[in-house]
Protein backbone atom coordinates (compact mmCIF):
# COMPACT_ATOMS: atom_id res chain seq x y z
CA MET A 1 78.33 154.12 147.13
CA PRO A 2 80.66 151.79 148.87
CA LEU A 3 82.31 149.13 146.78
CA LEU A 4 83.07 145.60 148.09
CA THR A 5 85.17 143.33 145.74
CA PHE A 6 85.69 139.39 146.19
CA SER A 7 88.11 137.35 144.62
CA THR A 8 87.44 134.19 146.54
CA LYS A 9 84.01 132.21 147.48
CA LYS A 10 81.80 133.26 144.45
CA GLU A 11 79.57 130.13 144.72
CA GLU A 12 78.97 131.00 148.46
CA LEU A 13 78.64 134.72 147.92
CA LEU A 14 75.91 133.75 145.22
CA ASN A 15 74.08 131.06 147.42
CA GLY A 16 73.87 133.04 150.53
CA THR A 17 76.08 131.06 152.47
CA LYS A 18 78.83 133.87 153.06
CA ILE A 19 77.05 136.86 154.06
CA GLU A 20 79.78 138.87 155.66
CA THR A 21 83.08 140.11 154.94
CA THR A 22 86.28 141.36 157.23
CA ARG A 23 88.04 144.09 155.57
CA LEU A 24 91.38 146.03 157.00
CA TYR A 25 90.40 148.94 159.16
CA THR A 26 90.93 152.46 157.68
CA GLU A 27 89.26 155.48 159.24
CA ARG A 28 87.93 156.57 155.53
CA ARG A 29 86.39 152.82 154.96
CA TRP A 30 85.01 152.75 158.23
CA THR A 31 83.01 156.24 157.92
CA GLU A 32 82.05 155.41 154.38
CA LEU A 33 80.73 151.64 155.54
CA ALA A 34 79.27 153.13 158.76
CA SER A 35 77.38 155.86 156.92
CA ALA A 36 76.00 153.14 154.58
CA ASN A 37 74.89 151.30 157.27
CA VAL A 38 72.96 154.06 158.88
CA GLU A 39 71.74 155.70 155.83
CA GLY A 40 70.82 152.19 154.12
CA LYS A 41 72.75 153.01 151.14
CA PRO A 42 73.68 149.76 148.95
CA LEU A 43 76.92 148.43 148.74
CA LYS A 44 78.17 147.58 145.14
CA CYS A 45 79.52 144.01 145.10
CA TRP A 46 81.77 142.83 142.51
CA TRP A 47 83.89 139.75 141.37
CA LYS A 48 87.43 140.40 140.66
CA PRO A 49 86.54 143.90 139.63
CA ARG A 50 90.26 144.63 137.83
CA THR A 51 90.26 141.38 135.66
CA LYS A 52 88.51 140.12 132.57
CA GLU A 53 86.55 137.90 134.73
CA LYS A 54 84.92 141.13 136.35
CA GLU A 55 81.16 140.72 137.32
CA HIS A 56 78.77 142.67 139.09
CA LEU A 57 77.37 140.35 141.65
CA PHE A 58 74.83 142.33 143.77
CA ASP A 59 73.84 145.39 145.45
CA GLU A 60 73.01 144.93 149.18
CA VAL A 61 72.09 147.40 152.03
CA PRO A 62 74.59 146.68 154.81
CA ARG A 63 72.79 144.68 157.72
CA GLY A 64 75.51 145.77 160.18
CA VAL A 65 79.06 147.05 160.48
CA GLN A 66 81.53 146.58 163.45
CA ILE A 67 85.04 146.93 164.29
CA VAL A 68 86.87 143.64 165.41
CA ALA A 69 90.26 142.88 166.34
CA PHE A 70 91.88 139.35 166.70
CA ILE A 71 93.93 139.34 169.91
CA ASP A 72 96.28 136.44 170.92
CA GLU A 73 95.23 135.39 174.29
CA ASN A 74 98.01 132.63 174.46
CA PRO A 75 101.24 133.84 172.60
CA GLU A 76 102.78 130.31 173.53
CA LYS A 77 100.32 128.48 171.44
CA LYS A 78 99.17 131.58 169.37
CA MET A 79 95.63 131.45 170.17
CA LEU A 80 94.01 134.29 167.94
CA TRP A 81 90.35 135.30 169.43
CA PRO A 82 88.06 137.63 167.72
CA TYR A 83 87.17 140.80 169.89
CA SER A 84 84.26 143.28 169.12
CA CYS A 85 85.68 146.63 169.65
CA ALA A 86 84.36 150.17 170.63
CA MET A 87 86.64 152.99 168.86
CA LYS A 88 87.09 155.92 170.93
CA SER A 89 87.38 159.28 169.91
CA ASP A 90 91.11 159.44 171.21
CA GLY A 91 91.72 156.52 168.74
CA ARG A 92 92.06 153.79 171.49
CA ILE A 93 89.87 150.51 171.09
CA ILE A 94 88.28 148.98 173.84
CA PRO A 95 87.83 145.49 173.05
CA THR A 96 85.15 143.03 174.34
CA ARG A 97 85.63 139.23 173.74
CA LEU A 98 83.22 137.52 171.54
CA THR A 99 81.53 134.17 173.06
CA GLU A 100 82.11 130.84 171.30
CA ASP A 101 78.45 131.09 169.99
CA GLN A 102 79.22 134.49 168.23
CA VAL A 103 82.52 133.35 167.00
CA GLU A 104 80.96 130.30 165.37
CA GLU A 105 78.31 132.46 163.78
CA TYR A 106 80.93 134.94 162.66
CA VAL A 107 82.90 131.89 160.97
CA ARG A 108 79.72 130.56 159.42
CA ASN A 109 78.94 134.00 158.01
CA GLU A 110 82.21 134.58 156.40
CA GLY A 111 81.81 131.04 154.59
CA MET A 112 84.52 129.34 156.63
CA ASP A 113 84.63 126.01 158.46
CA SER A 114 86.72 127.11 161.51
CA LEU A 115 88.02 129.80 163.37
CA GLU A 116 91.58 127.90 162.38
CA GLU A 117 90.62 128.40 158.97
CA PHE A 118 89.30 131.92 158.79
CA VAL A 119 92.34 133.35 160.72
CA ALA A 120 94.56 131.19 158.19
CA VAL A 121 92.96 133.15 155.27
CA LEU A 122 93.37 136.63 157.17
CA GLU A 123 96.92 136.40 158.10
CA LYS A 124 97.71 135.07 154.49
CA MET A 125 96.38 138.43 153.23
CA HIS A 126 97.68 140.78 156.21
CA GLY A 127 100.22 139.05 158.00
CA ASN A 128 100.42 139.34 161.90
CA LEU A 129 96.87 139.72 163.03
CA ASP A 130 97.36 140.44 166.96
CA ALA A 131 95.10 143.33 167.81
CA VAL A 132 94.99 144.75 164.25
CA PRO A 133 91.41 146.27 163.67
CA PHE A 134 89.30 145.28 161.04
CA ILE A 135 85.57 146.12 160.20
CA ARG A 136 83.43 143.42 160.09
CA ILE A 137 80.41 144.09 157.42
CA ARG A 138 77.31 141.99 157.13
CA PHE A 139 75.57 142.42 153.70
CA ARG A 140 72.79 139.93 153.91
CA ASP A 141 70.54 138.19 156.28
CA PRO A 142 71.26 134.58 157.16
CA LYS A 143 69.02 132.17 155.48
CA GLY A 144 65.57 131.73 157.25
CA ALA A 145 66.12 134.79 159.11
């Protein structure tokens, strides 16, 4: 059973305004999450599991997993934009640019207010994001859906 751990946005996780998370791509993680998505296996979601503050938040069956990458469309202005990616069997990534509406939904589902805020958080954790593959994991449906 896949494990998702969190150390920020606890209130948003519990109240359902953060319904997705983005994690660095590894083949092992992708296989585990894609399998859980197809087979309907729940994700174990924990708050700070290796600390005294550890708390099991909830178990949720994934609502979707997708490979994404942030591609610098204008290196002079450093304008990173999310792309949905198809991973080919030879390891090549075929990107498709997300629309503005899709990006707005992605950012909102991550519990963020803007793409700039979202990119800044990911850069703080992972450094340079340009064309680095990530896994987008939806673990809850939007409220009212």
